[in-house]
Every structure is written in C-alpha cells, then in structure tokens.
Amino acid sequence: MINESSNEIELMLKRMINLQKLTLYLVFESNGGFLNPIDLVNQFSTYSNQLESFSFYISTEENNREDLVRYLTKNEMKQTNLNIKYEQMSNIFSKSSIGSTYHVFTLPFEFSVLTSIGHQFPKIIFDSVIDLWISSDVSFEHEFFLRVAKYFPMLKHFYVMTLNSNFLNKNKSFDDTRRDEPIVEYPHLVLLDLTRTDVDVIDELLNENKTRLPRLNYLSVRYEDLRITTQDFTREATRRNCANVTKLITWRQIVGSQQFHLHFPSL
C-alpha cells in the first residue's frame, strides 16, 4: 500500500532506466488527489527504454466520483515497443459512500491478490487470483457469486464487504426451498470473511442450497449475524458449509450451546 505523491513516484521511475524486465503491483491509498495509473505507466514507459517485459497491476483510490470519471474519459495508454495488452475497470460507490477505486492491469493477469472489486468486472479468467476482496454499497446477489466462481476458479480466500448495510435483522426469515438456479461452487475456498456484510450475503454463502464450500475451515462473522443466519444453530441448510470449520472468529466471547457445537463439529 503506497501513499506517495505523483512527483515522488516519477522520480523513482527516472532512476530505473536500465531495467529489462519488471513485474509491478501497486495499490495507492487516497491522498487528497487522484493518481491516474495510466499516466504512471506512460511515464515509466518513457523513462525505461531498455524494458523488454512489463507486467503490472495498479489500483488507486480517491474520494470524488466526478474526478474519477474525468480521468477515465481523458486518458489512454501510449503506444510502446512492448505492445502492452491491458484492461481497465472501476469500482464506483455512491456519493454517500467512501469513494471509488480504479484498476489497470496487463493481460493475462498474473497476480494472486485482487482488492476493492465491485459488482462489475471484465469477463476474464483470473486463474492466478487466490485472494479476493469485494466491496459494494448494495448487497451482492446470487448471480454475482456465480460470476465470481466462474472467473476466479482458484479462489482460496474471500473477503466480502457491503457498505452502509443494515447488519442486524433479528426478525429475518429465510427460504430454504431448493431453487432452479445453479448452486455456486467454490471448491478451493478455505477462508471466508463475512464480518462487514449483511445477513442476506451470509445466507447466500452459508446456505448449501445456494453455495457449496467443501473445504471451508476458517470463518469470520459477527456472532449475532451468524446466530440469525443459522436460526440459533438449528438450521439444516447451513450445516454442511459449517461442518469443516476449524477456526471461527465471532468478534465477541460466547459460550457455545449444544446446538452450536453440533453445527460446528470440527472446531
């Protein structure tokens, strides 16, 4: 994570003139302004004339939606002797939320971590990604998780955040009827973090009628949300995905009931 001005980054690039091969992964925090990653790549291509291979992932955060849109419509990557293939995508939240994130990366994508992804992402198989962080100001639906399973087939660690959510709904009821839509399969997923999301998303991922998590062994979720989703640990539809969990983070001390221990027999 980098919090530097664009001038300091440019000075760094000017000193790297003899590089022949570079793999670059940069995540920029918001610093009151927006550092356009395409500008950064263009600068680097200008200063590094000996570069023969250049793979990169660059993302930048900012807090003003209008600034991001202006940059997206203004800038293109310059032609270089490397003939770089790249993809752009943005995760733009509502004005009442934290802001937006802009991603630029070469193809094929070859990095293991991808953060700050929203509802929209390109139809690319990210088969190198094992660590995915998604965030949105509205809840994620079943179709979205189907797309994640399709385009991130090797996913092992999954962090889900819904901003401005109503985390707690004590009167929530769930429908466990099997649906006609496909069940989401995450065959390699071992870690699931649902600490900052709502009970609808928790139900979506722990309900075996919607999602299958055969290797899940690390689960992080607020206790009260977990209690509601599992109906005080008596709900049949959530047993299978909880059965292999060996580490459960609930963010409060609890005294597990008999039903709790039956729901999590591997703890």
Protein backbone atom coordinates (compact mmCIF):
# COMPACT_ATOMS: atom_id res chain seq x y z
CA MET A 1 0.00 0.00 0.00
CA ILE A 2 1.56 3.30 -1.11
CA ASN A 3 0.74 6.85 -0.07
CA GLU A 4 3.07 8.96 -2.17
CA SER A 5 2.71 12.00 -4.38
CA SER A 6 2.91 11.57 -8.15
CA ASN A 7 6.14 13.63 -8.21
CA GLU A 8 7.88 11.19 -5.85
CA ILE A 9 6.77 8.22 -7.94
CA GLU A 10 8.01 9.91 -11.10
CA LEU A 11 11.44 10.48 -9.51
CA MET A 12 11.58 6.79 -8.62
CA LEU A 13 10.81 5.81 -12.21
CA LYS A 14 13.53 8.05 -13.60
CA ARG A 15 16.13 6.13 -11.57
CA MET A 16 15.09 2.75 -13.04
CA ILE A 17 16.32 3.36 -16.57
CA ASN A 18 18.26 0.11 -17.04
CA LEU A 19 15.52 -2.37 -16.22
CA GLN A 20 14.85 -5.06 -18.82
CA LYS A 21 12.06 -6.94 -17.04
CA LEU A 22 9.61 -5.68 -14.45
CA THR A 23 6.58 -7.08 -12.61
CA LEU A 24 4.83 -4.29 -10.73
CA TYR A 25 1.98 -4.48 -8.19
CA LEU A 26 0.96 -1.10 -6.72
CA VAL A 27 -2.03 -0.12 -4.59
CA PHE A 28 -2.30 3.60 -3.91
CA GLU A 29 -4.24 4.98 -0.99
CA SER A 30 -6.24 8.16 -1.41
CA ASN A 31 -4.06 11.17 -0.61
CA GLY A 32 -6.45 14.01 -1.37
CA GLY A 33 -5.89 13.72 -5.11
CA PHE A 34 -6.20 11.09 -7.79
CA LEU A 35 -3.06 9.46 -9.21
CA ASN A 36 -4.00 8.04 -12.58
CA PRO A 37 -2.32 4.64 -13.12
CA ILE A 38 -2.34 5.05 -16.90
CA ASP A 39 -0.31 8.25 -16.51
CA LEU A 40 2.10 6.32 -14.28
CA VAL A 41 2.57 3.55 -16.85
CA ASN A 42 3.08 6.10 -19.63
CA GLN A 43 5.76 7.84 -17.58
CA PHE A 44 7.53 4.58 -16.84
CA SER A 45 7.47 3.52 -20.49
CA THR A 46 9.06 6.85 -21.40
CA TYR A 47 11.93 6.58 -18.92
CA SER A 48 12.72 2.86 -19.30
CA ASN A 49 13.79 2.43 -22.91
CA GLN A 50 15.52 -0.90 -22.30
CA LEU A 51 12.44 -2.58 -20.88
CA GLU A 52 11.61 -5.84 -22.68
CA SER A 53 8.90 -7.25 -20.40
CA PHE A 54 6.45 -5.30 -18.26
CA SER A 55 3.58 -6.82 -16.26
CA PHE A 56 1.63 -4.69 -13.84
CA TYR A 57 -1.39 -4.25 -11.63
CA ILE A 58 -2.04 -0.71 -10.40
CA SER A 59 -5.05 0.49 -8.44
CA THR A 60 -5.75 3.88 -6.95
CA GLU A 61 -8.37 5.15 -4.55
CA GLU A 62 -9.99 8.56 -4.42
CA ASN A 63 -12.97 10.22 -2.76
CA ASN A 64 -14.61 12.18 -5.57
CA ARG A 65 -16.63 10.41 -8.25
CA GLU A 66 -16.50 13.31 -10.73
CA ASP A 67 -12.70 13.35 -10.62
CA LEU A 68 -12.55 9.64 -11.44
CA VAL A 69 -14.97 9.90 -14.36
CA ARG A 70 -12.98 12.81 -15.79
CA TYR A 71 -9.77 10.78 -15.70
CA LEU A 72 -11.40 7.70 -17.19
CA THR A 73 -12.61 9.63 -20.23
CA LYS A 74 -9.43 11.65 -20.67
CA ASN A 75 -6.52 9.23 -20.61
CA GLU A 76 -5.29 6.39 -22.81
CA MET A 77 -2.13 4.35 -22.65
CA LYS A 78 0.58 5.42 -25.06
CA GLN A 79 1.93 3.02 -27.65
CA THR A 80 5.16 1.39 -26.57
CA ASN A 81 7.59 -1.04 -28.15
CA LEU A 82 6.22 -3.70 -25.77
CA ASN A 83 2.74 -3.75 -27.32
CA ILE A 84 1.15 -4.00 -23.87
CA LYS A 85 -2.30 -5.56 -23.59
CA TYR A 86 -4.20 -4.14 -20.66
CA GLU A 87 -7.65 -3.93 -19.07
CA GLN A 88 -9.32 -1.16 -17.08
CA MET A 89 -12.11 -1.39 -14.56
CA SER A 90 -13.52 0.86 -11.87
CA ASN A 91 -15.42 0.29 -8.65
CA ILE A 92 -17.50 3.45 -8.12
CA PHE A 93 -19.56 3.76 -4.95
CA SER A 94 -22.36 6.22 -4.31
CA LYS A 95 -21.53 9.76 -3.19
CA SER A 96 -22.60 8.89 0.35
CA SER A 97 -20.05 6.08 0.49
CA ILE A 98 -16.27 6.03 0.71
CA GLY A 99 -15.42 6.85 -2.90
CA SER A 100 -14.09 4.74 -5.74
CA THR A 101 -11.21 2.59 -6.90
CA TYR A 102 -9.70 2.42 -10.38
CA HIS A 103 -7.76 -0.64 -11.60
CA VAL A 104 -5.43 -1.06 -14.58
CA PHE A 105 -3.59 -4.32 -15.27
CA THR A 106 -1.82 -6.22 -18.02
CA LEU A 107 -3.21 -9.36 -19.59
CA PRO A 108 -3.04 -12.15 -18.77
CA PHE A 109 -3.49 -11.23 -15.11
CA GLU A 110 -0.71 -12.95 -13.15
CA PHE A 111 -1.08 -11.74 -9.56
CA SER A 112 -2.55 -13.64 -6.61
CA VAL A 113 -4.34 -10.77 -4.81
CA LEU A 114 -7.15 -8.54 -6.09
CA THR A 115 -8.78 -5.94 -3.83
CA SER A 116 -11.62 -3.37 -3.89
CA ILE A 117 -13.64 -5.10 -6.61
CA GLY A 118 -17.32 -4.18 -7.00
CA HIS A 119 -20.27 -5.61 -8.90
CA GLN A 120 -18.68 -5.16 -12.32
CA PHE A 121 -15.52 -6.84 -13.53
CA PRO A 122 -14.41 -7.94 -17.02
CA LYS A 123 -15.12 -11.41 -18.38
CA ILE A 124 -11.56 -12.63 -17.83
CA ILE A 125 -10.49 -15.86 -16.15
CA PHE A 126 -8.39 -14.70 -13.17
CA ASP A 127 -6.90 -18.14 -12.57
CA SER A 128 -3.92 -16.76 -10.63
CA VAL A 129 -6.07 -14.99 -8.01
CA ILE A 130 -6.42 -16.84 -4.71
CA ASP A 131 -7.13 -13.80 -2.52
CA LEU A 132 -10.18 -11.66 -3.44
CA TRP A 133 -11.65 -8.63 -1.62
CA ILE A 134 -15.02 -7.34 -2.83
CA SER A 135 -16.97 -4.31 -1.60
CA SER A 136 -20.15 -2.51 -2.57
CA ASP A 137 -22.71 -0.10 -1.16
CA VAL A 138 -25.53 -2.53 -2.03
CA SER A 139 -25.90 -6.22 -1.24
CA PHE A 140 -24.49 -8.84 -3.61
CA GLU A 141 -26.95 -11.15 -5.37
CA HIS A 142 -26.72 -14.84 -6.32
CA GLU A 143 -25.81 -14.04 -9.95
CA PHE A 144 -22.77 -12.08 -8.77
CA PHE A 145 -21.40 -15.01 -6.76
CA LEU A 146 -21.92 -17.29 -9.76
CA ARG A 147 -19.73 -14.93 -11.80
CA VAL A 148 -17.08 -14.87 -9.08
CA ALA A 149 -16.94 -18.68 -9.08
CA LYS A 150 -16.64 -18.73 -12.87
CA TYR A 151 -13.97 -16.07 -13.30
CA PHE A 152 -11.96 -16.78 -10.12
CA PRO A 153 -11.77 -20.60 -10.27
CA MET A 154 -8.78 -20.97 -7.88
CA LEU A 155 -10.12 -18.72 -5.13
CA LYS A 156 -8.95 -19.66 -1.61
CA HIS A 157 -9.51 -16.53 0.50
CA PHE A 158 -12.69 -14.46 0.05
CA TYR A 159 -13.45 -11.17 1.86
CA VAL A 160 -16.92 -9.67 1.38
CA MET A 161 -17.90 -6.17 2.49
CA THR A 162 -21.22 -4.36 1.92
CA LEU A 163 -21.07 -0.69 2.84
CA ASN A 164 -23.95 1.12 4.56
CA SER A 165 -25.63 -2.22 5.25
CA ASN A 166 -28.16 -2.99 7.91
CA PHE A 167 -26.02 -5.66 9.52
CA LEU A 168 -28.58 -6.90 12.02
CA ASN A 169 -32.11 -8.06 11.31
CA LYS A 170 -33.36 -10.06 14.29
CA ASN A 171 -36.63 -10.92 12.57
CA LYS A 172 -35.06 -12.15 9.35
CA SER A 173 -36.69 -15.22 7.81
CA PHE A 174 -35.08 -17.44 5.18
CA ASP A 175 -36.47 -19.60 2.41
CA ASP A 176 -34.64 -22.95 2.22
CA THR A 177 -36.57 -24.23 -0.80
CA ARG A 178 -34.22 -25.52 -3.49
CA ARG A 179 -34.20 -23.20 -6.48
CA ASP A 180 -33.91 -23.80 -10.20
CA GLU A 181 -30.83 -21.54 -10.45
CA PRO A 182 -27.37 -23.16 -10.31
CA ILE A 183 -25.62 -23.68 -6.99
CA VAL A 184 -22.38 -21.72 -6.62
CA GLU A 185 -19.30 -23.94 -6.13
CA TYR A 186 -16.05 -22.74 -4.55
CA PRO A 187 -14.02 -25.98 -4.47
CA HIS A 188 -10.77 -24.42 -3.22
CA LEU A 189 -12.10 -21.83 -0.76
CA VAL A 190 -10.66 -22.28 2.74
CA LEU A 191 -11.15 -18.79 4.26
CA LEU A 192 -14.31 -16.68 4.25
CA ASP A 193 -14.58 -13.27 5.92
CA LEU A 194 -18.17 -12.01 6.34
CA THR A 195 -17.50 -9.63 9.21
CA ARG A 196 -18.66 -6.49 7.40
CA THR A 197 -21.64 -7.64 5.40
CA ASP A 198 -25.37 -8.25 5.93
CA VAL A 199 -27.29 -11.39 6.79
CA ASP A 200 -28.56 -11.78 3.22
CA VAL A 201 -24.99 -12.21 1.97
CA ILE A 202 -24.16 -14.52 4.88
CA ASP A 203 -27.17 -16.65 3.98
CA GLU A 204 -26.12 -16.61 0.32
CA LEU A 205 -22.72 -18.09 1.15
CA LEU A 206 -23.52 -20.44 4.04
CA ASN A 207 -26.78 -21.90 2.67
CA GLU A 208 -25.96 -25.15 0.88
CA ASN A 209 -28.98 -24.68 -1.41
CA LYS A 210 -27.17 -21.65 -2.85
CA THR A 211 -23.44 -22.24 -2.29
CA ARG A 212 -21.15 -25.23 -1.68
CA LEU A 213 -17.94 -24.72 0.33
CA PRO A 214 -16.46 -28.22 0.75
CA ARG A 215 -13.06 -27.03 2.04
CA LEU A 216 -14.05 -24.07 4.23
CA ASN A 217 -12.12 -24.21 7.51
CA TYR A 218 -11.75 -20.53 8.55
CA LEU A 219 -14.87 -18.39 9.01
CA SER A 220 -15.01 -14.81 10.31
CA VAL A 221 -18.51 -13.44 11.00
CA ARG A 222 -20.22 -11.45 13.74
CA TYR A 223 -21.84 -13.76 16.25
CA GLU A 224 -25.31 -12.20 16.19
CA ASP A 225 -25.42 -12.33 12.37
CA LEU A 226 -24.30 -15.97 12.49
CA ARG A 227 -26.93 -16.82 15.10
CA ILE A 228 -29.66 -15.26 12.94
CA THR A 229 -28.48 -16.95 9.74
CA THR A 230 -28.26 -20.39 11.35
CA GLN A 231 -31.51 -19.88 13.32
CA ASP A 232 -29.73 -20.39 16.63
CA PHE A 233 -27.62 -23.15 15.08
CA THR A 234 -30.59 -25.39 14.24
CA ARG A 235 -30.90 -24.71 10.51
CA GLU A 236 -30.21 -27.73 8.31
CA ALA A 237 -29.38 -25.65 5.23
CA THR A 238 -26.28 -24.12 6.87
CA ARG A 239 -24.84 -27.25 8.49
CA ARG A 240 -22.83 -28.61 5.57
CA ASN A 241 -20.85 -25.44 4.88
CA CYS A 242 -20.04 -25.08 8.61
CA ALA A 243 -19.12 -28.71 9.21
CA ASN A 244 -15.39 -28.43 8.39
CA VAL A 245 -14.72 -25.05 10.05
CA THR A 246 -11.81 -25.43 12.48
CA LYS A 247 -11.38 -21.72 13.27
CA LEU A 248 -14.35 -19.41 13.89
CA ILE A 249 -13.92 -15.69 14.59
CA THR A 250 -17.11 -14.19 16.08
CA TRP A 251 -15.77 -10.86 17.46
CA ARG A 252 -17.22 -11.47 20.92
CA GLN A 253 -16.88 -14.03 23.65
CA ILE A 254 -19.52 -16.76 23.53
CA VAL A 255 -20.48 -19.82 25.49
CA GLY A 256 -21.39 -22.38 22.87
CA SER A 257 -24.62 -24.30 23.33
CA GLN A 258 -25.02 -27.95 22.43
CA GLN A 259 -26.66 -26.88 19.15
CA PHE A 260 -23.70 -24.58 18.45
CA HIS A 261 -21.20 -27.42 18.83
CA LEU A 262 -23.31 -29.72 16.68
CA HIS A 263 -23.34 -27.05 13.98
CA PHE A 264 -19.54 -26.66 14.15
CA PRO A 265 -18.31 -30.18 14.99
CA SER A 266 -14.75 -29.56 13.75
CA LEU A 267 -13.93 -26.59 15.99
